[in-house]
PDB file of N, CA and C in Angstrom:
ATOM      1  N   MET A   1       9.382 -23.720   4.448  1.00  0.00           N
ATOM      2  CA  MET A   1       8.807 -22.880   5.950  1.00  0.00           C
ATOM      3  C   MET A   1       7.937 -21.692   5.158  1.00  0.00           C
ATOM      4  N   SER A   2       6.763 -21.613   5.722  1.00  0.00           N
ATOM      5  CA  SER A   2       5.749 -20.241   5.719  1.00  0.00           C
ATOM      6  C   SER A   2       6.388 -19.194   6.770  1.00  0.00           C
ATOM      7  N   MET A   3       5.861 -18.207   6.259  1.00  0.00           N
ATOM      8  CA  MET A   3       6.464 -16.991   7.164  1.00  0.00           C
ATOM      9  C   MET A   3       5.009 -16.589   7.936  1.00  0.00           C
ATOM     10  N   PRO A   4       5.147 -15.897   9.372  1.00  0.00           N
ATOM     11  CA  PRO A   4       3.817 -15.910   9.749  1.00  0.00           C
ATOM     12  C   PRO A   4       3.327 -14.354   9.079  1.00  0.00           C
ATOM     13  N   VAL A   5       1.919 -14.561   9.333  1.00  0.00           N
ATOM     14  CA  VAL A   5       1.259 -13.390   8.626  1.00  0.00           C
ATOM     15  C   VAL A   5       0.745 -12.633   9.782  1.00  0.00           C
ATOM     16  N   ALA A   6       1.033 -11.508   9.893  1.00  0.00           N
ATOM     17  CA  ALA A   6       1.209 -10.172  10.268  1.00  0.00           C
ATOM     18  C   ALA A   6      -0.542  -9.727  10.984  1.00  0.00           C
ATOM     19  N   GLU A   7      -0.839  -9.692  12.254  1.00  0.00           N
ATOM     20  CA  GLU A   7      -2.114  -9.354  12.276  1.00  0.00           C
ATOM     21  C   GLU A   7      -2.327  -7.559  12.181  1.00  0.00           C
ATOM     22  N   VAL A   8      -1.490  -7.128  12.793  1.00  0.00           N
ATOM     23  CA  VAL A   8      -1.427  -5.789  13.039  1.00  0.00           C
ATOM     24  C   VAL A   8       0.464  -4.830  12.704  1.00  0.00           C
ATOM     25  N   GLY A   9      -0.129  -3.759  12.841  1.00  0.00           N
ATOM     26  CA  GLY A   9       1.538  -3.239  12.141  1.00  0.00           C
ATOM     27  C   GLY A   9       1.396  -1.523  12.209  1.00  0.00           C
ATOM     28  N   SER A  10       2.282  -1.034  11.507  1.00  0.00           N
ATOM     29  CA  SER A  10       2.406   0.250  10.937  1.00  0.00           C
ATOM     30  C   SER A  10       1.372   0.572  10.433  1.00  0.00           C
ATOM     31  N   TYR A  11       0.865   2.048  10.368  1.00  0.00           N
ATOM     32  CA  TYR A  11       0.474   2.923   9.152  1.00  0.00           C
ATOM     33  C   TYR A  11       1.136   4.303   8.221  1.00  0.00           C
ATOM     34  N   LYS A  12       0.884   4.708   7.496  1.00  0.00           N
ATOM     35  CA  LYS A  12       1.187   5.148   6.508  1.00  0.00           C
ATOM     36  C   LYS A  12      -0.025   6.375   5.454  1.00  0.00           C
ATOM     37  N   ARG A  13       0.110   7.549   6.071  1.00  0.00           N
ATOM     38  CA  ARG A  13      -1.224   8.579   5.165  1.00  0.00           C
ATOM     39  C   ARG A  13      -0.973   9.227   3.871  1.00  0.00           C
ATOM     40  N   LEU A  14      -1.305   8.601   3.010  1.00  0.00           N
ATOM     41  CA  LEU A  14      -0.455   9.691   1.673  1.00  0.00           C
ATOM     42  C   LEU A  14      -1.515  10.394   0.693  1.00  0.00           C
ATOM     43  N   THR A  15      -1.332  11.576   0.677  1.00  0.00           N
ATOM     44  CA  THR A  15      -2.005  11.896  -0.629  1.00  0.00           C
ATOM     45  C   THR A  15      -1.772  12.181  -2.160  1.00  0.00           C
ATOM     46  N   ALA A  16      -0.168  11.447  -2.094  1.00  0.00           N
ATOM     47  CA  ALA A  16       0.807  11.808  -3.157  1.00  0.00           C
ATOM     48  C   ALA A  16       1.471  10.739  -2.919  1.00  0.00           C
ATOM     49  N   THR A  17       2.314  10.650  -4.443  1.00  0.00           N
ATOM     50  CA  THR A  17       3.554   9.620  -4.089  1.00  0.00           C
ATOM     51  C   THR A  17       4.377   9.169  -3.442  1.00  0.00           C
ATOM     52  N   SER A  18       4.436   8.313  -2.842  1.00  0.00           N
ATOM     53  CA  SER A  18       5.514   7.905  -1.762  1.00  0.00           C
ATOM     54  C   SER A  18       5.942   6.598  -1.454  1.00  0.00           C
ATOM     55  N   ALA A  19       7.131   6.492  -0.668  1.00  0.00           N
ATOM     56  CA  ALA A  19       7.230   5.060   0.064  1.00  0.00           C
ATOM     57  C   ALA A  19       6.459   5.074   0.757  1.00  0.00           C
ATOM     58  N   VAL A  20       6.225   3.897   1.204  1.00  0.00           N
ATOM     59  CA  VAL A  20       5.197   3.212   2.765  1.00  0.00           C
ATOM     60  C   VAL A  20       6.152   2.843   3.301  1.00  0.00           C
ATOM     61  N   CYS A  21       7.106   1.910   3.081  1.00  0.00           N
ATOM     62  CA  CYS A  21       8.194   1.639   4.019  1.00  0.00           C
ATOM     63  C   CYS A  21       9.456   1.320   3.018  1.00  0.00           C
ATOM     64  N   ALA A  22      10.439   1.801   3.672  1.00  0.00           N
ATOM     65  CA  ALA A  22      12.025   1.746   2.993  1.00  0.00           C
ATOM     66  C   ALA A  22      12.487   0.528   2.893  1.00  0.00           C
ATOM     67  N   GLY A  23      12.072  -0.488   3.989  1.00  0.00           N
ATOM     68  CA  GLY A  23      12.744  -1.975   3.563  1.00  0.00           C
ATOM     69  C   GLY A  23      11.480  -3.191   3.215  1.00  0.00           C
ATOM     70  N   ALA A  24      11.950  -3.960   3.338  1.00  0.00           N
ATOM     71  CA  ALA A  24      10.841  -5.143   3.366  1.00  0.00           C
ATOM     72  C   ALA A  24       9.663  -5.278   4.442  1.00  0.00           C
ATOM     73  N   CYS A  25       8.721  -5.646   4.270  1.00  0.00           N
ATOM     74  CA  CYS A  25       7.504  -5.386   5.046  1.00  0.00           C
ATOM     75  C   CYS A  25       6.671  -6.337   4.902  1.00  0.00           C
ATOM     76  N   GLN A  26       5.305  -6.593   4.617  1.00  0.00           N
ATOM     77  CA  GLN A  26       4.243  -7.011   4.896  1.00  0.00           C
ATOM     78  C   GLN A  26       3.086  -6.268   4.495  1.00  0.00           C
ATOM     79  N   LEU A  27       1.842  -5.724   4.073  1.00  0.00           N
ATOM     80  CA  LEU A  27       1.244  -5.583   3.295  1.00  0.00           C
ATOM     81  C   LEU A  27       0.128  -5.815   3.987  1.00  0.00           C
ATOM     82  N   LEU A  28      -0.794  -4.796   4.452  1.00  0.00           N
ATOM     83  CA  LEU A  28      -1.722  -5.608   4.782  1.00  0.00           C
ATOM     84  C   LEU A  28      -3.231  -5.047   4.282  1.00  0.00           C
ATOM     85  N   GLY A  29      -3.120  -4.116   4.042  1.00  0.00           N
ATOM     86  CA  GLY A  29      -4.384  -3.028   3.223  1.00  0.00           C
ATOM     87  C   GLY A  29      -3.976  -1.743   3.362  1.00  0.00           C
ATOM     88  N   PHE A  30      -4.868  -1.341   3.253  1.00  0.00           N
ATOM     89  CA  PHE A  30      -5.275   0.420   2.941  1.00  0.00           C
ATOM     90  C   PHE A  30      -6.326   0.507   2.811  1.00  0.00           C
ATOM     91  N   TYR A  31      -7.012   1.721   3.599  1.00  0.00           N
ATOM     92  CA  TYR A  31      -8.220   2.434   3.798  1.00  0.00           C
ATOM     93  C   TYR A  31      -8.188   3.690   2.913  1.00  0.00           C
ATOM     94  N   VAL A  32      -9.365   3.683   2.383  1.00  0.00           N
ATOM     95  CA  VAL A  32      -9.564   5.510   1.166  1.00  0.00           C
ATOM     96  C   VAL A  32     -10.045   6.148   1.952  1.00  0.00           C
ATOM     97  N   SER A  33     -10.092   6.861   2.501  1.00  0.00           N
ATOM     98  CA  SER A  33     -11.009   8.005   3.463  1.00  0.00           C
ATOM     99  C   SER A  33     -11.673   8.974   2.188  1.00  0.00           C
ATOM    100  N   SER A  34     -10.767   9.038   1.140  1.00  0.00           N
ATOM    101  CA  SER A  34     -11.799  10.356   0.376  1.00  0.00           C
ATOM    102  C   SER A  34     -10.980  10.360  -1.236  1.00  0.00           C
ATOM    103  N   THR A  35     -11.884   9.498  -2.377  1.00  0.00           N
ATOM    104  CA  THR A  35     -11.299   9.948  -3.718  1.00  0.00           C
ATOM    105  C   THR A  35     -12.240  10.508  -4.787  1.00  0.00           C
ATOM    106  N   ASN A  36     -11.343  11.078  -5.696  1.00  0.00           N
ATOM    107  CA  ASN A  36     -12.701  11.303  -7.033  1.00  0.00           C
ATOM    108  C   ASN A  36     -11.862  10.846  -8.333  1.00  0.00           C
ATOM    109  N   ALA A  37     -11.945   9.931  -8.355  1.00  0.00           N
ATOM    110  CA  ALA A  37     -11.393   8.967  -9.533  1.00  0.00           C
ATOM    111  C   ALA A  37      -9.643   9.240  -9.634  1.00  0.00           C
ATOM    112  N   GLY A  38      -9.585   9.085  -7.743  1.00  0.00           N
ATOM    113  CA  GLY A  38      -7.647   9.024  -8.081  1.00  0.00           C
ATOM    114  C   GLY A  38      -7.534   7.606  -8.145  1.00  0.00           C
ATOM    115  N   THR A  39      -5.461   6.921  -7.965  1.00  0.00           N
ATOM    116  CA  THR A  39      -5.632   6.169  -8.625  1.00  0.00           C
ATOM    117  C   THR A  39      -4.440   5.759  -8.043  1.00  0.00           C
ATOM    118  N   VAL A  40      -3.794   4.311  -7.708  1.00  0.00           N
ATOM    119  CA  VAL A  40      -2.968   3.927  -6.857  1.00  0.00           C
ATOM    120  C   VAL A  40      -2.208   2.540  -7.321  1.00  0.00           C
ATOM    121  N   VAL A  41      -0.978   2.794  -7.896  1.00  0.00           N
ATOM    122  CA  VAL A  41      -0.330   1.727  -7.811  1.00  0.00           C
ATOM    123  C   VAL A  41       0.987   1.601  -7.195  1.00  0.00           C
ATOM    124  N   LEU A  42       1.257  -0.138  -7.170  1.00  0.00           N
ATOM    125  CA  LEU A  42       2.142  -0.360  -5.893  1.00  0.00           C
ATOM    126  C   LEU A  42       3.042  -0.941  -6.651  1.00  0.00           C
ATOM    127  N   THR A  43       4.192  -0.646  -6.080  1.00  0.00           N
ATOM    128  CA  THR A  43       5.704  -0.986  -6.610  1.00  0.00           C
ATOM    129  C   THR A  43       6.691  -2.008  -5.484  1.00  0.00           C
ATOM    130  N   ASP A  44       6.959  -2.373  -5.506  1.00  0.00           N
ATOM    131  CA  ASP A  44       7.943  -3.294  -4.345  1.00  0.00           C
ATOM    132  C   ASP A  44       9.705  -3.714  -5.262  1.00  0.00           C
ATOM    133  N   GLY A  45      10.084  -1.884  -4.932  1.00  0.00           N
ATOM    134  CA  GLY A  45      11.174  -1.763  -5.415  1.00  0.00           C
ATOM    135  C   GLY A  45      10.941  -1.380  -6.500  1.00  0.00           C
ATOM    136  N   SER A  46      11.499  -1.459  -7.795  1.00  0.00           N
ATOM    137  CA  SER A  46      10.973  -1.479  -9.267  1.00  0.00           C
ATOM    138  C   SER A  46      10.161  -2.049  -9.913  1.00  0.00           C
ATOM    139  N   THR A  47      10.149  -3.118  -9.044  1.00  0.00           N
ATOM    140  CA  THR A  47       8.680  -4.485 -10.073  1.00  0.00           C
ATOM    141  C   THR A  47       7.416  -4.032  -9.193  1.00  0.00           C
ATOM    142  N   ALA A  48       6.357  -3.900 -10.299  1.00  0.00           N
ATOM    143  CA  ALA A  48       4.960  -3.338 -10.293  1.00  0.00           C
ATOM    144  C   ALA A  48       4.137  -4.641  -9.009  1.00  0.00           C
ATOM    145  N   MET A  49       3.743  -4.432  -8.184  1.00  0.00           N
ATOM    146  CA  MET A  49       3.027  -5.448  -7.446  1.00  0.00           C
ATOM    147  C   MET A  49       1.154  -5.437  -8.106  1.00  0.00           C
ATOM    148  N   SER A  50       0.937  -4.035  -8.385  1.00  0.00           N
ATOM    149  CA  SER A  50      -0.392  -4.274  -8.668  1.00  0.00           C
ATOM    150  C   SER A  50      -0.158  -3.786 -10.429  1.00  0.00           C
ATOM    151  N   GLY A  51      -1.271  -3.787 -10.712  1.00  0.00           N
ATOM    152  CA  GLY A  51      -2.185  -2.780 -12.006  1.00  0.00           C
ATOM    153  C   GLY A  51      -2.352  -1.430 -11.519  1.00  0.00           C
ATOM    154  N   THR A  52      -2.877  -0.408 -11.935  1.00  0.00           N
ATOM    155  CA  THR A  52      -3.313   0.579 -11.387  1.00  0.00           C
ATOM    156  C   THR A  52      -4.983   0.300 -10.761  1.00  0.00           C
ATOM    157  N   ILE A  53      -5.131   0.905  -9.849  1.00  0.00           N
ATOM    158  CA  ILE A  53      -6.255   0.593  -8.684  1.00  0.00           C
ATOM    159  C   ILE A  53      -6.996   1.682  -9.217  1.00  0.00           C
ATOM    160  N   THR A  54      -8.147   1.654  -8.829  1.00  0.00           N
ATOM    161  CA  THR A  54      -8.956   2.843  -8.571  1.00  0.00           C
ATOM    162  C   THR A  54      -9.875   2.518  -7.666  1.00  0.00           C
ATOM    163  N   PRO A  55      -9.543   3.157  -6.443  1.00  0.00           N
ATOM    164  CA  PRO A  55      -9.980   2.483  -5.366  1.00  0.00           C
ATOM    165  C   PRO A  55     -11.376   3.366  -4.960  1.00  0.00           C
ATOM    166  N   ALA A  56     -12.759   2.357  -4.288  1.00  0.00           N
ATOM    167  CA  ALA A  56     -13.536   2.996  -3.663  1.00  0.00           C
ATOM    168  C   ALA A  56     -13.105   3.509  -2.312  1.00  0.00           C
ATOM    169  N   ILE A  57     -14.036   4.181  -1.349  1.00  0.00           N
ATOM    170  CA  ILE A  57     -13.866   4.275  -0.249  1.00  0.00           C
ATOM    171  C   ILE A  57     -14.126   3.522   0.496  1.00  0.00           C
ATOM    172  N   GLY A  58     -13.305   3.090   1.174  1.00  0.00           N
ATOM    173  CA  GLY A  58     -13.353   1.840   2.537  1.00  0.00           C
ATOM    174  C   GLY A  58     -11.890   1.218   2.573  1.00  0.00           C
ATOM    175  N   PHE A  59     -11.864  -0.080   3.285  1.00  0.00           N
ATOM    176  CA  PHE A  59     -10.879  -0.976   3.572  1.00  0.00           C
ATOM    177  C   PHE A  59     -10.697  -2.150   2.449  1.00  0.00           C
ATOM    178  N   HIS A  60      -9.737  -1.555   1.890  1.00  0.00           N
ATOM    179  CA  HIS A  60      -9.183  -3.054   1.414  1.00  0.00           C
ATOM    180  C   HIS A  60      -8.350  -3.897   1.423  1.00  0.00           C
ATOM    181  N   PRO A  61      -8.475  -5.471   1.727  1.00  0.00           N
ATOM    182  CA  PRO A  61      -7.629  -6.258   2.161  1.00  0.00           C
ATOM    183  C   PRO A  61      -6.522  -6.290   1.089  1.00  0.00           C
ATOM    184  N   PHE A  62      -4.866  -6.005   1.189  1.00  0.00           N
ATOM    185  CA  PHE A  62      -4.055  -6.533   0.231  1.00  0.00           C
ATOM    186  C   PHE A  62      -2.980  -7.006   0.970  1.00  0.00           C
ATOM    187  N   ARG A  63      -3.240  -8.207   1.065  1.00  0.00           N
ATOM    188  CA  ARG A  63      -1.744  -9.353   2.070  1.00  0.00           C
ATOM    189  C   ARG A  63      -0.977  -9.400   1.064  1.00  0.00           C
ATOM    190  N   ALA A  64       0.368  -9.071   0.987  1.00  0.00           N
ATOM    191  CA  ALA A  64       1.530  -9.499  -0.016  1.00  0.00           C
ATOM    192  C   ALA A  64       2.672  -9.399   1.334  1.00  0.00           C
ATOM    193  N   THR A  65       3.772 -10.000   0.699  1.00  0.00           N
ATOM    194  CA  THR A  65       5.423  -9.560   1.001  1.00  0.00           C
ATOM    195  C   THR A  65       5.891  -8.907  -0.034  1.00  0.00           C
ATOM    196  N   VAL A  66       6.741  -7.725   0.538  1.00  0.00           N
ATOM    197  CA  VAL A  66       7.486  -7.063  -0.021  1.00  0.00           C
ATOM    198  C   VAL A  66       8.535  -7.532   0.944  1.00  0.00           C
ATOM    199  N   GLY A  67       9.647  -7.424  -0.756  1.00  0.00           N
ATOM    200  CA  GLY A  67      10.799  -7.655  -0.551  1.00  0.00           C
ATOM    201  C   GLY A  67      11.998  -6.567  -0.400  1.00  0.00           C
ATOM    202  N   THR A  68      11.449  -5.408  -1.263  1.00  0.00           N
ATOM    203  CA  THR A  68      12.753  -4.500  -1.527  1.00  0.00           C
ATOM    204  C   THR A  68      12.444  -3.023  -0.591  1.00  0.00           C
ATOM    205  N   SER A  69      10.927  -2.701  -0.984  1.00  0.00           N
ATOM    206  CA  SER A  69      10.944  -2.144  -0.084  1.00  0.00           C
ATOM    207  C   SER A  69       9.077  -1.069  -1.041  1.00  0.00           C
ATOM    208  N   LEU A  70       8.342  -0.741  -0.396  1.00  0.00           N
ATOM    209  CA  LEU A  70       6.801  -0.049  -0.812  1.00  0.00           C
ATOM    210  C   LEU A  70       6.912   1.349  -1.094  1.00  0.00           C
ATOM    211  N   THR A  71       6.369   1.025  -2.039  1.00  0.00           N
ATOM    212  CA  THR A  71       5.852   2.667  -2.591  1.00  0.00           C
ATOM    213  C   THR A  71       4.479   2.562  -3.470  1.00  0.00           C
ATOM    214  N   ALA A  72       3.505   3.867  -3.479  1.00  0.00           N
ATOM    215  CA  ALA A  72       2.418   3.609  -4.287  1.00  0.00           C
ATOM    216  C   ALA A  72       2.772   4.922  -4.756  1.00  0.00           C
ATOM    217  N   THR A  73       2.298   4.806  -6.223  1.00  0.00           N
ATOM    218  CA  THR A  73       2.675   5.671  -6.652  1.00  0.00           C
ATOM    219  C   THR A  73       0.836   6.137  -7.399  1.00  0.00           C
ATOM    220  N   ILE A  74       0.779   7.682  -6.130  1.00  0.00           N
ATOM    221  CA  ILE A  74      -1.045   7.827  -6.914  1.00  0.00           C
ATOM    222  C   ILE A  74      -1.096   9.222  -7.765  1.00  0.00           C
ATOM    223  N   ALA A  75      -1.921   8.603  -8.485  1.00  0.00           N
ATOM    224  CA  ALA A  75      -2.485  10.099  -9.488  1.00  0.00           C
ATOM    225  C   ALA A  75      -3.882   9.970  -9.572  1.00  0.00           C
ATOM    226  N   GLY A  76      -4.136  11.106 -10.015  1.00  0.00           N
ATOM    227  CA  GLY A  76      -5.334  11.575 -10.488  1.00  0.00           C
ATOM    228  C   GLY A  76      -5.903  12.614  -9.267  1.00  0.00           C
ATOM    229  N   THR A  77      -7.263  12.537  -8.829  1.00  0.00           N
ATOM    230  CA  THR A  77      -7.601  13.541  -7.930  1.00  0.00           C
ATOM    231  C   THR A  77      -7.978  13.328  -7.140  1.00  0.00           C
ATOM    232  N   ALA A  78      -7.812  14.208  -5.413  1.00  0.00           N
ATOM    233  CA  ALA A  78      -8.173  13.796  -4.443  1.00  0.00           C
ATOM    234  C   ALA A  78      -8.320  11.974  -3.698  1.00  0.00           C
ATOM    235  N   LEU A  79      -7.427  11.493  -3.675  1.00  0.00           N
ATOM    236  CA  LEU A  79      -6.785  10.563  -3.166  1.00  0.00           C
ATOM    237  C   LEU A  79      -6.380  10.460  -2.013  1.00  0.00           C
ATOM    238  N   ASP A  80      -6.957  10.199  -0.596  1.00  0.00           N
ATOM    239  CA  ASP A  80      -6.499  10.087   0.612  1.00  0.00           C
ATOM    240  C   ASP A  80      -6.544   8.529   1.088  1.00  0.00           C
ATOM    241  N   VAL A  81      -5.489   7.878   1.025  1.00  0.00           N
ATOM    242  CA  VAL A  81      -5.075   6.524   1.416  1.00  0.00           C
ATOM    243  C   VAL A  81      -4.133   6.552   2.529  1.00  0.00           C
ATOM    244  N   THR A  82      -4.570   5.285   3.482  1.00  0.00           N
ATOM    245  CA  THR A  82      -3.728   5.077   4.339  1.00  0.00           C
ATOM    246  C   THR A  82      -3.141   3.340   4.337  1.00  0.00           C
ATOM    247  N   PHE A  83      -2.222   3.321   4.531  1.00  0.00           N
ATOM    248  CA  PHE A  83      -1.733   2.260   3.904  1.00  0.00           C
ATOM    249  C   PHE A  83      -1.528   1.621   6.015  1.00  0.00           C
ATOM    250  N   PHE A  84      -1.761  -0.126   5.551  1.00  0.00           N
ATOM    251  CA  PHE A  84      -1.616  -0.867   6.857  1.00  0.00           C
ATOM    252  C   PHE A  84      -0.430  -1.894   6.381  1.00  0.00           C
ATOM    253  N   TYR A  85       0.844  -2.083   7.598  1.00  0.00           N
ATOM    254  CA  TYR A  85       1.765  -2.872   6.773  1.00  0.00           C
ATOM    255  C   TYR A  85       3.043  -3.116   8.328  1.00  0.00           C
ATOM    256  N   ALA A  86       3.265  -3.948   8.568  1.00  0.00           N
ATOM    257  CA  ALA A  86       4.373  -5.008   9.459  1.00  0.00           C
ATOM    258  C   ALA A  86       5.738  -4.897   9.035  1.00  0.00           C
ATOM    259  N   SER A  87       6.675  -4.325   9.093  1.00  0.00           N
ATOM    260  CA  SER A  87       8.356  -4.027   9.312  1.00  0.00           C
ATOM    261  C   SER A  87       8.513  -5.592   9.056  1.00  0.00           C
ATOM    262  N   GLY A  88       9.399  -5.616   8.430  1.00  0.00           N
ATOM    263  CA  GLY A  88      10.053  -6.723   8.095  1.00  0.00           C
ATOM    264  C   GLY A  88       9.198  -7.972   7.632  1.00  0.00           C
ATOM    265  N   ASN A  89       9.965  -8.850   7.720  1.00  0.00           N
ATOM    266  CA  ASN A  89       8.725 -10.129   6.326  1.00  0.00           C
ATOM    267  C   ASN A  89       9.782 -11.427   6.959  1.00  0.00           C
TER     268      ASN A  89
END
């Protein structure tokens, strides 16, 4: 049986490496408001969900179910990104 897909959720704005969600969640996407060659890597617990992403300014859909916790490792310069997620899965 498939899980319902969340259409709305919470948000967290980051400019440095941090947890986005401490438990299970659904990642909906992220909005980059400024960047100067900044990068992000998304992990579920200790498992990488993505390679290194060098995002452009704008919204990036990234629908994924996160089983443990969602962390965004931010590197480079001046990356300001807001993640949208729904708690639980």
